[in-house]
Amino acid sequence: MSKKVLFVCLGNICRSPIAEAVFLHLIKEKGVQDQWEVDSAALGGWHVGNLPDQRAMNTLRHHNIAYNNRARQIHDDDFHIFDFIFGMDENNISNLKEDAPQNSKAKIILLGDFDP
């Protein structure tokens, strides 16, 4: 049984795709990718269907990290599907907690909380 993690930012074209790509890269390096399902999403729908911003893609390429997902907006179902939803900043966390249904399965966490 795999754990499911979702990375969320405002538009899903910069921070959350980078977080998703880095997480995917790290779990692949550790050989545990079969234990995880990983995705990213936006709070807003402005960029749905778009590739990440060119600056984000350049950063990933600079670190030899592949990425090819497109932006999507978070859905109510995501709060029941994912075990962890990581917001990229305090505003994201506030919005996620406000939008989360009362019976949400997902634990909403600030990604920066894991920065030593």
N, C-alpha and C. Protein backbone atom coordinates (compact mmCIF):
# COMPACT_ATOMS: atom_id res chain seq x y z
N MET A 1 0.84 -1.18 0.00
CA MET A 1 0.00 0.00 0.00
C MET A 1 0.89 1.24 0.00
N SER A 2 0.66 2.12 -0.96
CA SER A 2 1.52 3.29 -1.09
C SER A 2 0.94 4.49 -0.36
N LYS A 3 1.83 5.40 0.00
CA LYS A 3 1.45 6.69 0.56
C LYS A 3 1.24 7.65 -0.59
N LYS A 4 0.32 8.60 -0.41
CA LYS A 4 0.00 9.55 -1.47
C LYS A 4 0.29 10.96 -0.97
N VAL A 5 1.06 11.71 -1.76
CA VAL A 5 1.45 13.06 -1.37
C VAL A 5 1.15 14.04 -2.51
N LEU A 6 0.61 15.20 -2.13
CA LEU A 6 0.27 16.24 -3.08
C LEU A 6 0.95 17.53 -2.66
N PHE A 7 1.63 18.19 -3.59
CA PHE A 7 2.28 19.47 -3.34
C PHE A 7 1.43 20.56 -3.97
N VAL A 8 1.14 21.62 -3.20
CA VAL A 8 0.20 22.65 -3.67
C VAL A 8 0.80 24.05 -3.50
N CYS A 9 0.66 24.85 -4.56
CA CYS A 9 0.96 26.28 -4.50
C CYS A 9 -0.15 27.03 -5.21
N LEU A 10 0.02 28.30 -5.40
CA LEU A 10 -1.05 29.12 -5.95
C LEU A 10 -1.43 28.73 -7.38
N GLY A 11 -0.43 28.59 -8.27
CA GLY A 11 -0.74 28.35 -9.67
C GLY A 11 -0.26 27.04 -10.25
N ASN A 12 0.52 26.27 -9.51
CA ASN A 12 1.05 24.98 -9.96
C ASN A 12 1.93 25.09 -11.20
N ILE A 13 2.69 26.19 -11.28
CA ILE A 13 3.64 26.32 -12.38
C ILE A 13 5.06 26.62 -11.91
N CYS A 14 5.26 26.79 -10.60
CA CYS A 14 6.61 27.09 -10.09
C CYS A 14 6.97 26.17 -8.92
N ARG A 15 6.53 26.55 -7.74
CA ARG A 15 6.99 25.87 -6.53
C ARG A 15 6.49 24.44 -6.40
N SER A 16 5.21 24.21 -6.57
CA SER A 16 4.70 22.85 -6.36
C SER A 16 5.20 21.85 -7.40
N PRO A 17 5.36 22.24 -8.69
CA PRO A 17 5.95 21.27 -9.61
C PRO A 17 7.41 20.96 -9.29
N ILE A 18 8.14 21.98 -8.82
CA ILE A 18 9.53 21.74 -8.42
C ILE A 18 9.55 20.77 -7.24
N ALA A 19 8.71 21.00 -6.25
CA ALA A 19 8.66 20.10 -5.08
C ALA A 19 8.29 18.69 -5.51
N GLU A 20 7.31 18.57 -6.39
CA GLU A 20 6.91 17.25 -6.90
C GLU A 20 8.08 16.57 -7.61
N ALA A 21 8.73 17.30 -8.49
CA ALA A 21 9.83 16.73 -9.28
C ALA A 21 10.99 16.30 -8.38
N VAL A 22 11.34 17.13 -7.41
CA VAL A 22 12.44 16.79 -6.50
C VAL A 22 12.07 15.58 -5.65
N PHE A 23 10.85 15.54 -5.14
CA PHE A 23 10.40 14.39 -4.35
C PHE A 23 10.45 13.11 -5.18
N LEU A 24 9.94 13.17 -6.41
CA LEU A 24 10.00 12.01 -7.31
C LEU A 24 11.43 11.57 -7.56
N HIS A 25 12.31 12.54 -7.78
CA HIS A 25 13.72 12.26 -8.03
C HIS A 25 14.35 11.55 -6.81
N LEU A 26 14.06 12.07 -5.61
CA LEU A 26 14.66 11.50 -4.39
C LEU A 26 14.14 10.09 -4.10
N ILE A 27 12.84 9.86 -4.26
CA ILE A 27 12.34 8.52 -3.97
C ILE A 27 12.82 7.51 -5.02
N LYS A 28 13.04 7.98 -6.23
CA LYS A 28 13.60 7.10 -7.26
C LYS A 28 15.05 6.75 -6.91
N GLU A 29 15.82 7.75 -6.49
CA GLU A 29 17.21 7.50 -6.06
C GLU A 29 17.27 6.48 -4.93
N LYS A 30 16.32 6.54 -4.02
CA LYS A 30 16.29 5.64 -2.86
C LYS A 30 15.63 4.30 -3.16
N GLY A 31 15.08 4.17 -4.37
CA GLY A 31 14.46 2.91 -4.77
C GLY A 31 13.14 2.61 -4.10
N VAL A 32 12.43 3.66 -3.67
CA VAL A 32 11.16 3.45 -2.98
C VAL A 32 9.98 4.08 -3.75
N GLN A 33 10.18 4.35 -5.03
CA GLN A 33 9.13 5.01 -5.81
C GLN A 33 7.85 4.19 -5.88
N ASP A 34 7.94 2.87 -5.72
CA ASP A 34 6.74 2.05 -5.74
C ASP A 34 5.92 2.19 -4.45
N GLN A 35 6.46 2.87 -3.45
CA GLN A 35 5.77 3.07 -2.18
C GLN A 35 5.05 4.41 -2.11
N TRP A 36 5.14 5.20 -3.17
CA TRP A 36 4.59 6.56 -3.16
C TRP A 36 3.80 6.86 -4.43
N GLU A 37 2.74 7.64 -4.27
CA GLU A 37 2.05 8.28 -5.39
C GLU A 37 2.21 9.77 -5.16
N VAL A 38 2.67 10.49 -6.19
CA VAL A 38 3.05 11.89 -6.03
C VAL A 38 2.38 12.73 -7.12
N ASP A 39 1.90 13.91 -6.74
CA ASP A 39 1.30 14.83 -7.69
C ASP A 39 1.44 16.24 -7.14
N SER A 40 1.06 17.22 -7.95
CA SER A 40 1.01 18.60 -7.50
C SER A 40 -0.22 19.26 -8.09
N ALA A 41 -0.62 20.37 -7.47
CA ALA A 41 -1.84 21.05 -7.91
C ALA A 41 -1.79 22.52 -7.50
N ALA A 42 -2.73 23.27 -8.05
CA ALA A 42 -2.86 24.70 -7.79
C ALA A 42 -4.09 24.98 -6.96
N LEU A 43 -4.04 26.05 -6.20
CA LEU A 43 -5.24 26.53 -5.53
C LEU A 43 -6.18 27.18 -6.54
N GLY A 44 -5.62 27.89 -7.50
CA GLY A 44 -6.42 28.58 -8.52
C GLY A 44 -6.31 27.88 -9.87
N GLY A 45 -7.22 28.21 -10.76
CA GLY A 45 -7.27 27.53 -12.05
C GLY A 45 -6.66 28.28 -13.22
N TRP A 46 -5.91 29.34 -12.95
CA TRP A 46 -5.39 30.20 -14.02
C TRP A 46 -4.50 29.49 -15.02
N HIS A 47 -3.72 28.53 -14.56
CA HIS A 47 -2.70 27.90 -15.42
C HIS A 47 -3.00 26.44 -15.76
N VAL A 48 -4.21 25.98 -15.49
CA VAL A 48 -4.56 24.58 -15.73
C VAL A 48 -4.19 24.18 -17.16
N GLY A 49 -3.48 23.06 -17.27
CA GLY A 49 -3.07 22.54 -18.57
C GLY A 49 -1.71 23.02 -19.04
N ASN A 50 -1.15 24.02 -18.37
CA ASN A 50 0.14 24.57 -18.78
C ASN A 50 1.31 23.79 -18.18
N LEU A 51 2.42 23.81 -18.89
CA LEU A 51 3.67 23.30 -18.35
C LEU A 51 4.18 24.30 -17.30
N PRO A 52 5.11 23.88 -16.44
CA PRO A 52 5.67 24.82 -15.47
C PRO A 52 6.34 26.01 -16.15
N ASP A 53 6.45 27.09 -15.40
CA ASP A 53 7.15 28.29 -15.83
C ASP A 53 8.56 27.92 -16.30
N GLN A 54 9.04 28.63 -17.29
CA GLN A 54 10.36 28.33 -17.86
C GLN A 54 11.48 28.41 -16.82
N ARG A 55 11.37 29.33 -15.87
CA ARG A 55 12.39 29.43 -14.81
C ARG A 55 12.40 28.17 -13.94
N ALA A 56 11.22 27.64 -13.65
CA ALA A 56 11.14 26.39 -12.88
C ALA A 56 11.76 25.25 -13.67
N MET A 57 11.44 25.17 -14.95
CA MET A 57 12.01 24.11 -15.79
C MET A 57 13.52 24.24 -15.91
N ASN A 58 14.02 25.46 -16.02
CA ASN A 58 15.47 25.67 -16.09
C ASN A 58 16.15 25.21 -14.80
N THR A 59 15.52 25.49 -13.67
CA THR A 59 16.07 25.06 -12.38
C THR A 59 16.14 23.54 -12.31
N LEU A 60 15.07 22.88 -12.72
CA LEU A 60 15.06 21.41 -12.71
C LEU A 60 16.11 20.85 -13.66
N ARG A 61 16.19 21.40 -14.85
CA ARG A 61 17.20 20.92 -15.82
C ARG A 61 18.61 21.13 -15.29
N HIS A 62 18.85 22.25 -14.63
CA HIS A 62 20.16 22.55 -14.05
C HIS A 62 20.60 21.47 -13.06
N HIS A 63 19.61 20.84 -12.42
CA HIS A 63 19.89 19.78 -11.44
C HIS A 63 19.61 18.38 -11.99
N ASN A 64 19.47 18.29 -13.32
CA ASN A 64 19.24 17.01 -14.00
C ASN A 64 18.01 16.28 -13.45
N ILE A 65 16.94 17.03 -13.23
CA ILE A 65 15.70 16.45 -12.75
C ILE A 65 14.65 16.61 -13.85
N ALA A 66 14.12 15.49 -14.29
CA ALA A 66 13.11 15.49 -15.36
C ALA A 66 11.73 15.82 -14.78
N TYR A 67 10.90 16.46 -15.62
CA TYR A 67 9.53 16.77 -15.22
C TYR A 67 8.71 17.05 -16.46
N ASN A 68 7.50 16.48 -16.52
CA ASN A 68 6.66 16.74 -17.69
C ASN A 68 5.17 16.83 -17.37
N ASN A 69 4.81 16.99 -16.12
CA ASN A 69 3.39 17.12 -15.78
C ASN A 69 2.89 18.53 -16.10
N ARG A 70 1.59 18.65 -16.19
CA ARG A 70 0.96 19.95 -16.47
C ARG A 70 0.13 20.39 -15.26
N ALA A 71 -0.06 21.69 -15.16
CA ALA A 71 -0.77 22.26 -14.03
C ALA A 71 -2.21 21.77 -13.97
N ARG A 72 -2.67 21.56 -12.75
CA ARG A 72 -4.06 21.23 -12.50
C ARG A 72 -4.49 21.93 -11.21
N GLN A 73 -5.77 22.07 -11.03
CA GLN A 73 -6.31 22.68 -9.82
C GLN A 73 -6.70 21.59 -8.84
N ILE A 74 -6.51 21.87 -7.57
CA ILE A 74 -6.90 20.92 -6.53
C ILE A 74 -8.41 20.72 -6.55
N HIS A 75 -8.83 19.49 -6.25
CA HIS A 75 -10.25 19.12 -6.22
C HIS A 75 -10.61 18.65 -4.81
N ASP A 76 -11.88 18.70 -4.49
CA ASP A 76 -12.34 18.22 -3.18
C ASP A 76 -11.91 16.78 -2.93
N ASP A 77 -11.94 15.94 -3.97
CA ASP A 77 -11.54 14.54 -3.82
C ASP A 77 -10.10 14.39 -3.35
N ASP A 78 -9.24 15.35 -3.69
CA ASP A 78 -7.83 15.26 -3.30
C ASP A 78 -7.67 15.18 -1.79
N PHE A 79 -8.55 15.82 -1.05
CA PHE A 79 -8.48 15.81 0.41
C PHE A 79 -8.81 14.42 0.98
N HIS A 80 -9.43 13.58 0.17
CA HIS A 80 -9.77 12.22 0.60
C HIS A 80 -8.82 11.18 0.02
N ILE A 81 -8.17 11.52 -1.08
CA ILE A 81 -7.27 10.59 -1.78
C ILE A 81 -5.86 10.63 -1.19
N PHE A 82 -5.36 11.83 -0.94
CA PHE A 82 -3.96 11.99 -0.51
C PHE A 82 -3.83 11.88 1.00
N ASP A 83 -2.71 11.28 1.42
CA ASP A 83 -2.39 11.18 2.84
C ASP A 83 -1.82 12.49 3.36
N PHE A 84 -1.02 13.15 2.51
CA PHE A 84 -0.34 14.39 2.88
C PHE A 84 -0.54 15.41 1.77
N ILE A 85 -0.90 16.63 2.16
CA ILE A 85 -0.94 17.74 1.22
C ILE A 85 0.00 18.80 1.77
N PHE A 86 1.05 19.08 1.00
CA PHE A 86 2.05 20.07 1.40
C PHE A 86 1.77 21.40 0.72
N GLY A 87 1.55 22.42 1.51
CA GLY A 87 1.45 23.78 1.00
C GLY A 87 2.83 24.41 0.96
N MET A 88 3.04 25.29 -0.01
CA MET A 88 4.36 25.88 -0.19
C MET A 88 4.59 27.11 0.69
N ASP A 89 3.53 27.73 1.21
CA ASP A 89 3.68 28.88 2.11
C ASP A 89 2.47 28.95 3.04
N GLU A 90 2.53 29.88 3.99
CA GLU A 90 1.47 30.00 4.99
C GLU A 90 0.12 30.35 4.37
N ASN A 91 0.11 31.16 3.31
CA ASN A 91 -1.15 31.47 2.65
C ASN A 91 -1.76 30.22 2.02
N ASN A 92 -0.90 29.39 1.40
CA ASN A 92 -1.39 28.12 0.84
C ASN A 92 -2.01 27.26 1.94
N ILE A 93 -1.33 27.17 3.07
CA ILE A 93 -1.82 26.36 4.19
C ILE A 93 -3.17 26.88 4.68
N SER A 94 -3.27 28.18 4.82
CA SER A 94 -4.53 28.79 5.27
C SER A 94 -5.66 28.47 4.30
N ASN A 95 -5.40 28.61 3.00
CA ASN A 95 -6.42 28.31 1.99
C ASN A 95 -6.78 26.83 1.98
N LEU A 96 -5.77 25.97 2.10
CA LEU A 96 -6.03 24.54 2.10
C LEU A 96 -6.89 24.13 3.29
N LYS A 97 -6.56 24.66 4.47
CA LYS A 97 -7.34 24.32 5.67
C LYS A 97 -8.76 24.84 5.57
N GLU A 98 -8.92 26.00 4.96
CA GLU A 98 -10.25 26.57 4.78
C GLU A 98 -11.08 25.74 3.79
N ASP A 99 -10.43 25.24 2.75
CA ASP A 99 -11.12 24.47 1.71
C ASP A 99 -11.33 23.00 2.05
N ALA A 100 -10.58 22.50 3.01
CA ALA A 100 -10.64 21.07 3.33
C ALA A 100 -11.98 20.70 3.95
N PRO A 101 -12.58 19.62 3.46
CA PRO A 101 -13.81 19.14 4.09
C PRO A 101 -13.52 18.66 5.51
N GLN A 102 -14.52 18.66 6.36
CA GLN A 102 -14.34 18.26 7.76
C GLN A 102 -13.81 16.84 7.90
N ASN A 103 -14.18 15.97 7.01
CA ASN A 103 -13.75 14.58 7.10
C ASN A 103 -12.54 14.30 6.22
N SER A 104 -11.72 15.31 5.99
CA SER A 104 -10.54 15.17 5.15
C SER A 104 -9.58 14.13 5.72
N LYS A 105 -9.10 13.27 4.85
CA LYS A 105 -8.12 12.26 5.22
C LYS A 105 -6.71 12.87 5.27
N ALA A 106 -6.47 13.85 4.40
CA ALA A 106 -5.13 14.40 4.21
C ALA A 106 -4.66 15.22 5.41
N LYS A 107 -3.41 15.04 5.73
CA LYS A 107 -2.77 15.88 6.73
C LYS A 107 -2.17 17.05 5.95
N ILE A 108 -2.53 18.27 6.29
CA ILE A 108 -2.06 19.47 5.60
C ILE A 108 -0.85 20.01 6.34
N ILE A 109 0.27 20.12 5.60
CA ILE A 109 1.55 20.44 6.23
C ILE A 109 2.27 21.50 5.39
N LEU A 110 2.94 22.42 6.06
CA LEU A 110 3.80 23.39 5.38
C LEU A 110 5.10 22.70 5.00
N LEU A 111 5.44 22.70 3.72
CA LEU A 111 6.65 22.03 3.28
C LEU A 111 7.88 22.53 4.02
N GLY A 112 7.92 23.83 4.30
CA GLY A 112 9.07 24.42 4.99
C GLY A 112 9.28 23.90 6.39
N ASP A 113 8.29 23.24 6.97
CA ASP A 113 8.46 22.66 8.31
C ASP A 113 9.53 21.58 8.33
N PHE A 114 9.91 21.07 7.16
CA PHE A 114 10.92 20.01 7.10
C PHE A 114 12.31 20.55 6.76
N ASP A 115 12.44 21.87 6.73
CA ASP A 115 13.74 22.49 6.47
C ASP A 115 14.50 22.61 7.77
N PRO A 116 15.64 21.91 7.89
CA PRO A 116 16.39 21.95 9.15
C PRO A 116 16.98 23.31 9.40
